Amino acid sequence: MVDFLDYHFFLAETEALLRRLELDGIYQIASLHPQYEFAGTAPDDIDNVTNRSPFPTLHLLRESSIDRAVAAFPDAESIYERNIDTVRRLGHEGWKKLWVE
């Protein structure tokens, strides 16, 4: 498993590469990691699960695709907040019940 801090530094390098290649604004990187932690949260804070995945993942997104999605769903910025509200309501026990062995 890749340590989250190492992954965070790798992510910074990939974002710097996009800038060097003058591709920022064309592409965007979505970052997911099994140990993801938002700044200012504890490792077991339920909010963190919204950016966690089974494996370290960099998802390359086209900005134009994001623009189309936002146009189709004008309140797109609220998705992130609703996701956090949902996992807070579920709590750790409710979240665990969603996983299937």
Protein backbone atom coordinates (compact mmCIF):
# COMPACT_ATOMS: atom_id res chain seq x y z
CA MET A 1 0.00 0.00 0.00
CA VAL A 2 1.32 3.43 -0.91
CA ASP A 3 1.59 5.71 2.13
CA PHE A 4 -0.84 8.64 1.90
CA LEU A 5 1.89 11.24 2.44
CA ASP A 6 4.00 9.75 -0.38
CA TYR A 7 0.89 9.66 -2.55
CA HIS A 8 0.14 13.31 -1.70
CA PHE A 9 3.62 14.33 -2.88
CA PHE A 10 3.22 12.24 -6.03
CA LEU A 11 -0.09 13.98 -6.71
CA ALA A 12 1.64 17.36 -6.38
CA GLU A 13 4.20 16.22 -8.96
CA THR A 14 1.50 15.13 -11.40
CA GLU A 15 -0.30 18.46 -11.03
CA ALA A 16 3.00 20.29 -11.61
CA LEU A 17 3.51 18.18 -14.75
CA LEU A 18 0.11 19.27 -16.09
CA ARG A 19 1.17 22.89 -15.58
CA ARG A 20 4.56 22.35 -17.26
CA LEU A 21 2.85 20.72 -20.23
CA GLU A 22 0.36 23.62 -20.29
CA LEU A 23 -2.52 21.19 -19.83
CA ASP A 24 -3.98 22.69 -16.67
CA GLY A 25 -7.39 24.04 -17.55
CA ILE A 26 -7.72 21.23 -20.09
CA TYR A 27 -7.31 18.34 -17.67
CA GLN A 28 -7.87 18.00 -13.94
CA ILE A 29 -6.78 15.25 -11.57
CA ALA A 30 -9.24 13.74 -9.11
CA SER A 31 -7.40 12.05 -6.25
CA LEU A 32 -8.57 9.02 -4.24
CA HIS A 33 -6.64 6.96 -1.68
CA PRO A 34 -7.52 4.31 0.96
CA GLN A 35 -6.03 6.51 3.71
CA TYR A 36 -7.28 9.87 2.38
CA GLU A 37 -7.46 12.60 5.01
CA PHE A 38 -8.83 16.09 4.53
CA ALA A 39 -6.67 18.78 6.13
CA GLY A 40 -7.68 19.34 9.72
CA THR A 41 -9.40 15.95 10.16
CA ALA A 42 -8.44 12.91 12.20
CA PRO A 43 -7.62 9.68 10.28
CA ASP A 44 -10.89 8.06 11.45
CA ASP A 45 -13.09 11.09 10.65
CA ILE A 46 -16.07 9.81 8.63
CA ASP A 47 -15.80 12.78 6.21
CA ASN A 48 -12.62 11.24 4.78
CA VAL A 49 -14.45 8.26 3.25
CA THR A 50 -15.82 10.50 0.50
CA ASN A 51 -12.32 10.60 -1.05
CA ARG A 52 -11.24 7.06 -0.24
CA SER A 53 -10.90 4.14 -2.62
CA PRO A 54 -9.64 0.56 -2.34
CA PHE A 55 -6.40 1.52 -4.14
CA PRO A 56 -4.48 4.77 -4.70
CA THR A 57 -6.12 6.32 -7.76
CA LEU A 58 -5.47 9.33 -9.96
CA HIS A 59 -8.45 10.00 -12.19
CA LEU A 60 -7.72 12.25 -15.16
CA LEU A 61 -10.75 14.35 -16.08
CA ARG A 62 -11.30 16.58 -19.10
CA GLU A 63 -12.34 20.06 -17.99
CA SER A 64 -14.81 20.16 -20.90
CA SER A 65 -16.53 17.05 -19.51
CA ILE A 66 -16.76 18.69 -16.09
CA ASP A 67 -18.25 21.81 -17.70
CA ARG A 68 -20.93 19.71 -19.43
CA ALA A 69 -21.75 17.90 -16.19
CA VAL A 70 -22.06 21.18 -14.29
CA ALA A 71 -24.32 22.58 -17.03
CA ALA A 72 -26.55 19.50 -16.72
CA PHE A 73 -26.60 19.74 -12.93
CA PRO A 74 -26.38 23.44 -12.03
CA ASP A 75 -26.03 22.79 -8.29
CA ALA A 76 -22.96 20.57 -8.80
CA GLU A 77 -20.91 22.24 -6.05
CA SER A 78 -23.42 20.94 -3.51
CA ILE A 79 -22.68 17.28 -4.39
CA TYR A 80 -19.53 17.29 -2.24
CA GLU A 81 -21.41 18.77 0.73
CA ARG A 82 -24.31 16.34 0.36
CA ASN A 83 -21.88 13.40 0.23
CA ILE A 84 -20.32 14.50 3.52
CA ASP A 85 -23.75 15.07 5.10
CA THR A 86 -24.77 11.56 4.01
CA VAL A 87 -21.72 9.81 5.49
CA ARG A 88 -22.11 11.81 8.70
CA ARG A 89 -25.70 10.59 9.00
CA LEU A 90 -24.59 7.01 8.29
CA GLY A 91 -21.69 7.15 10.71
CA HIS A 92 -19.01 4.47 10.79
CA GLU A 93 -21.44 1.62 11.52
CA GLY A 94 -23.81 2.58 8.71
CA TRP A 95 -20.88 3.00 6.32
CA LYS A 96 -19.56 -0.48 7.18
CA LYS A 97 -23.00 -1.99 6.50
CA LEU A 98 -22.79 -0.75 2.90
CA TRP A 99 -19.70 -2.88 2.22
CA VAL A 100 -20.15 -6.44 1.02
CA GLU A 101 -17.47 -9.01 1.73
